[in-house]
Protein backbone atom coordinates (compact mmCIF):
# COMPACT_ATOMS: atom_id res chain seq x y z
CA UNK A 1 100.42 -86.06 -29.09
CA UNK A 2 98.55 -86.87 -25.54
CA UNK A 3 97.67 -90.24 -26.02
CA UNK A 4 93.77 -89.51 -24.72
CA UNK A 5 93.34 -86.22 -26.30
CA UNK A 6 93.13 -85.05 -29.86
CA UNK A 7 93.39 -81.60 -29.25
CA UNK A 8 94.62 -79.78 -25.63
CA UNK A 9 93.48 -76.53 -24.78
CA UNK A 10 95.83 -74.02 -23.87
CA UNK A 11 95.26 -73.05 -20.06
CA UNK A 12 91.68 -71.46 -19.79
CA UNK A 13 89.75 -68.81 -17.20
CA UNK A 14 86.05 -69.95 -15.94
CA UNK A 15 83.46 -67.43 -15.93
CA UNK A 16 79.32 -67.21 -16.80
CA UNK A 17 78.56 -66.02 -19.84
CA UNK A 18 76.45 -62.44 -19.29
CA UNK A 19 74.96 -62.07 -23.34
CA UNK A 20 76.11 -62.89 -27.12
CA UNK A 21 74.98 -60.34 -29.28
CA UNK A 22 76.37 -58.81 -32.47
CA UNK A 23 77.09 -62.45 -33.63
CA UNK A 24 80.96 -62.56 -32.77
CA UNK A 25 80.65 -61.19 -29.58
CA UNK A 26 79.73 -62.07 -25.47
CA UNK A 27 80.53 -60.77 -22.74
CA UNK A 28 81.42 -62.49 -19.89
CA UNK A 29 82.07 -62.12 -16.14
CA UNK A 30 85.21 -64.26 -15.13
CA UNK A 31 85.81 -66.09 -11.81
CA UNK A 32 87.49 -62.47 -10.24
CA UNK A 33 84.97 -60.59 -10.86
CA UNK A 34 86.31 -59.38 -13.71
CA UNK A 35 83.71 -58.11 -17.16
CA UNK A 36 85.42 -58.92 -20.31
CA UNK A 37 84.19 -59.55 -24.01
CA UNK A 38 85.56 -62.28 -25.88
CA UNK A 39 85.32 -63.38 -29.73
CA UNK A 40 82.72 -65.71 -30.53
CA UNK A 41 83.73 -67.62 -33.07
CA UNK A 42 80.16 -68.91 -34.25
CA UNK A 43 78.19 -67.49 -36.85
CA UNK A 44 75.45 -68.90 -35.90
CA UNK A 45 72.79 -69.44 -34.35
CA UNK A 46 73.89 -71.39 -31.69
CA UNK A 47 70.11 -72.65 -30.41
CA UNK A 48 70.66 -74.00 -26.97
CA UNK A 49 74.13 -73.45 -26.54
CA UNK A 50 74.04 -69.79 -25.89
CA UNK A 51 72.35 -69.92 -22.21
CA UNK A 52 73.43 -66.47 -20.05
CA UNK A 53 74.14 -67.56 -16.79
CA UNK A 54 75.72 -70.60 -17.51
CA UNK A 55 79.48 -71.69 -17.43
CA UNK A 56 81.55 -70.70 -19.76
CA UNK A 57 85.42 -71.20 -20.36
CA UNK A 58 87.73 -68.75 -22.80
CA UNK A 59 91.32 -69.25 -23.80
CA UNK A 60 93.15 -65.44 -24.14
CA UNK A 61 96.03 -64.17 -26.32
CA UNK A 62 99.05 -62.63 -26.52
CA UNK A 63 98.70 -61.44 -30.24
CA UNK A 64 99.10 -57.84 -29.80
CA UNK A 65 97.15 -57.59 -33.37
CA UNK A 66 94.14 -58.75 -31.93
CA UNK A 67 91.30 -56.49 -31.10
CA UNK A 68 90.36 -59.26 -28.47
CA UNK A 69 92.45 -60.77 -26.47
CA UNK A 70 89.93 -63.59 -25.46
CA UNK A 71 88.12 -65.97 -27.05
CA UNK A 72 85.12 -67.88 -25.75
CA UNK A 73 85.78 -71.92 -26.22
CA UNK A 74 83.03 -73.79 -24.62
CA UNK A 75 79.78 -73.58 -22.34
CA UNK A 76 78.45 -75.86 -19.33
CA UNK A 77 74.89 -77.15 -19.72
CA UNK A 78 72.78 -79.97 -18.67
CA UNK A 79 70.97 -79.80 -15.39
CA UNK A 80 71.24 -82.78 -13.37
CA UNK A 81 74.11 -84.21 -15.99
CA UNK A 82 76.75 -81.67 -16.93
CA UNK A 83 77.76 -81.38 -20.19
CA UNK A 84 80.70 -79.18 -21.95
CA UNK A 85 79.53 -77.62 -25.69
CA UNK A 86 82.24 -76.38 -27.59
CA UNK A 87 81.85 -73.20 -28.78
CA UNK A 88 85.63 -71.92 -31.18
CA UNK A 89 84.04 -73.09 -34.93
CA UNK A 90 87.68 -72.60 -35.59
CA UNK A 91 88.66 -75.90 -34.22
CA UNK A 92 87.08 -78.99 -35.78
CA UNK A 93 89.04 -78.34 -39.23
CA UNK A 94 91.82 -78.44 -36.86
CA UNK A 95 91.20 -81.46 -35.04
CA UNK A 96 90.04 -83.44 -37.87
CA UNK A 97 92.91 -82.71 -39.73
CA UNK A 98 95.05 -84.01 -36.70
CA UNK A 99 92.92 -87.41 -36.43
CA UNK A 100 93.04 -87.95 -40.02
CA UNK A 101 97.49 -87.38 -39.96
CA UNK A 102 96.88 -89.71 -37.60
CA UNK A 103 94.48 -92.24 -39.03
CA UNK A 104 92.23 -92.53 -35.95
CA UNK A 105 89.38 -92.35 -37.53
CA UNK A 106 88.76 -96.07 -38.17
CA UNK A 107 86.66 -95.84 -41.40
CA UNK A 108 88.78 -93.82 -43.11
CA UNK A 109 92.09 -95.24 -41.81
CA UNK A 110 94.53 -96.95 -43.97
CA UNK A 111 92.71 -96.34 -47.48
CA UNK A 112 95.20 -92.44 -48.28
CA UNK A 113 98.75 -91.38 -47.75
CA UNK A 114 98.55 -87.95 -47.84
CA UNK A 115 96.14 -85.15 -46.31
CA UNK A 116 95.83 -82.02 -48.54
CA UNK A 117 93.33 -79.52 -46.64
CA UNK A 118 91.58 -76.61 -48.41
CA UNK A 119 91.61 -78.07 -51.77
CA UNK A 120 90.00 -76.51 -54.65
CA UNK A 121 87.57 -78.45 -57.13
CA UNK A 122 84.58 -78.72 -59.22
CA UNK A 123 83.58 -76.15 -62.36
CA UNK A 124 86.75 -73.82 -63.02
CA UNK A 125 88.20 -74.88 -59.56
CA UNK A 126 85.57 -72.81 -58.02
CA UNK A 127 84.87 -74.53 -54.74
CA UNK A 128 86.59 -75.53 -52.39
CA UNK A 129 86.53 -78.46 -50.02
CA UNK A 130 88.25 -79.19 -46.28
CA UNK A 131 90.11 -81.90 -47.30
CA UNK A 132 91.31 -84.14 -49.96
CA UNK A 133 93.04 -87.36 -48.51
CA UNK A 134 94.98 -89.35 -51.47
CA UNK A 135 96.37 -93.14 -51.48
CA UNK A 136 98.02 -95.45 -54.22
CA UNK A 137 97.05 -94.70 -57.65
CA UNK A 138 94.87 -97.33 -57.46
CA UNK A 139 92.89 -95.22 -54.82
CA UNK A 140 90.25 -93.37 -55.22
CA UNK A 141 90.96 -89.84 -53.91
CA UNK A 142 89.04 -89.25 -50.26
CA UNK A 143 86.81 -85.50 -50.30
CA UNK A 144 85.97 -84.32 -46.97
CA UNK A 145 83.59 -82.01 -45.73
CA UNK A 146 83.60 -81.11 -42.14
CA UNK A 147 79.97 -79.31 -40.23
CA UNK A 148 80.09 -78.33 -36.51
CA UNK A 149 77.22 -79.69 -34.98
CA UNK A 150 76.13 -78.17 -31.44
CA UNK A 151 72.61 -78.04 -31.88
CA UNK A 152 70.31 -81.25 -29.45
CA UNK A 153 67.19 -82.72 -29.30
CA UNK A 154 67.00 -85.36 -26.11
CA UNK A 155 70.13 -87.54 -27.68
CA UNK A 156 70.09 -86.26 -30.66
CA UNK A 157 72.56 -84.37 -32.76
CA UNK A 158 70.93 -82.08 -35.09
CA UNK A 159 72.26 -80.59 -38.66
CA UNK A 160 71.76 -77.74 -39.54
CA UNK A 161 70.76 -75.17 -36.59
CA UNK A 162 69.02 -72.62 -39.45
CA UNK A 163 68.19 -72.53 -43.22
CA UNK A 164 72.00 -73.30 -44.97
CA UNK A 165 71.92 -72.70 -48.79
CA UNK A 166 75.94 -73.55 -48.25
CA UNK A 167 75.40 -76.71 -46.96
CA UNK A 168 72.95 -77.78 -49.57
CA UNK A 169 75.52 -76.42 -51.78
CA UNK A 170 77.91 -78.40 -49.92
CA UNK A 171 76.10 -81.93 -50.16
CA UNK A 172 75.40 -81.54 -54.42
CA UNK A 173 79.23 -80.89 -54.95
CA UNK A 174 79.72 -84.43 -52.65
CA UNK A 175 76.70 -86.20 -54.58
CA UNK A 176 78.26 -84.93 -58.18
CA UNK A 177 81.61 -86.84 -56.80
CA UNK A 178 80.35 -90.29 -56.47
CA UNK A 179 81.46 -91.70 -59.77
CA UNK A 180 84.68 -90.53 -59.31
CA UNK A 181 85.75 -90.14 -55.60
CA UNK A 182 84.96 -91.32 -52.25
CA UNK A 183 83.00 -88.05 -50.69
CA UNK A 184 82.49 -87.73 -47.29
CA UNK A 185 80.68 -85.45 -44.93
CA UNK A 186 81.42 -85.42 -41.30
CA UNK A 187 79.63 -84.26 -38.60
CA UNK A 188 82.04 -82.57 -35.93
CA UNK A 189 79.37 -83.50 -32.53
CA UNK A 190 81.02 -81.09 -30.82
CA UNK A 191 79.26 -82.22 -27.35
CA UNK A 192 79.49 -85.90 -25.59
CA UNK A 193 75.77 -86.45 -24.81
CA UNK A 194 74.66 -87.89 -28.02
CA UNK A 195 74.70 -91.00 -29.21
CA UNK A 196 72.76 -90.47 -32.32
CA UNK A 197 72.38 -87.67 -35.45
CA UNK A 198 69.69 -86.72 -37.62
CA UNK A 199 69.43 -83.90 -40.52
CA UNK A 200 67.50 -80.92 -39.07
CA UNK A 201 64.78 -81.12 -41.22
CA UNK A 202 63.13 -78.96 -39.17
CA UNK A 203 65.28 -75.95 -39.95
CA UNK A 204 66.44 -76.79 -43.32
CA UNK A 205 64.16 -79.28 -45.24
CA UNK A 206 65.74 -78.69 -48.26
CA UNK A 207 68.95 -80.15 -46.78
CA UNK A 208 67.21 -82.86 -45.17
CA UNK A 209 66.87 -83.92 -48.53
CA UNK A 210 69.59 -83.51 -49.57
CA UNK A 211 71.16 -86.07 -47.22
CA UNK A 212 68.85 -88.61 -48.18
CA UNK A 213 69.60 -88.38 -51.67
CA UNK A 214 73.51 -88.22 -50.35
CA UNK A 215 73.33 -91.23 -48.59
CA UNK A 216 71.68 -93.02 -50.75
CA UNK A 217 74.02 -92.37 -54.09
CA UNK A 218 76.91 -92.99 -52.16
CA UNK A 219 78.60 -90.18 -50.06
CA UNK A 220 79.73 -91.67 -46.39
CA UNK A 221 78.40 -89.77 -43.57
CA UNK A 222 80.60 -89.89 -40.77
CA UNK A 223 78.39 -88.39 -37.50
CA UNK A 224 81.53 -88.15 -35.42
CA UNK A 225 81.22 -87.74 -31.17
CA UNK A 226 83.52 -85.70 -29.17
CA UNK A 227 84.01 -85.29 -25.22
CA UNK A 228 84.69 -81.72 -24.65
CA UNK A 229 86.27 -80.90 -21.60
CA UNK A 230 88.39 -77.54 -20.25
CA UNK A 231 91.15 -80.09 -20.89
CA UNK A 232 90.91 -81.15 -24.39
CA UNK A 233 88.54 -82.97 -27.29
CA UNK A 234 88.82 -86.59 -26.93
CA UNK A 235 86.96 -88.45 -30.05
CA UNK A 236 84.80 -91.24 -29.05
CA UNK A 237 83.67 -92.57 -32.53
CA UNK A 238 80.72 -92.76 -34.22
CA UNK A 239 77.00 -91.92 -33.41
CA UNK A 240 74.07 -93.70 -34.96
CA UNK A 241 72.03 -92.37 -38.33
CA UNK A 242 68.92 -91.84 -37.12
CA UNK A 243 66.00 -90.51 -39.08
């Protein structure tokens, strides 16, 4: 692993976003002039990070089974100070797994020996959590959920960008684990221009209430900041929680 980058992108192509539509599709004009349709691995409304005319980067796959060879990876925003924002929601869990396996998150380092992904839990094992970290017998397991975060207001990263009953459910499940485990909600802030984090109460007031309850009852909140560039992704540490 490169000492600077948690994750390094494959060679990317630069272009301009023309439009995003049907949630999963984005028309992009490459610097060569060719217009392509790329896969958009982001099902949300993408408020503030889907501006036509902005510079974007796409990756290319040689997999013949894929319907679309290109994936939209990031967009460049800002007028005076430019910032790359990660778009591909398939990456945060992959990057967090690398960070966990290398003990690169100080707030969790040394508290576990093994990292398991997509673990079933809860009543009748009907729920699934992103990561379970386990250590010695006398150590409580760590149950960790990851949420991709791109919405901002000034220098505050916000989550969610729409009402999310699924996100509410995840907070309730973490709260229920407080006695038997160390529950962690990790917000993957997919841009480097925010040093504060807050729940987006305007978009989902119930999520904001559950966020407050989770903090009060002992759920560990980790708003993790990342620097995104066409070369790769770097971990910057935690944002401060605001409001």
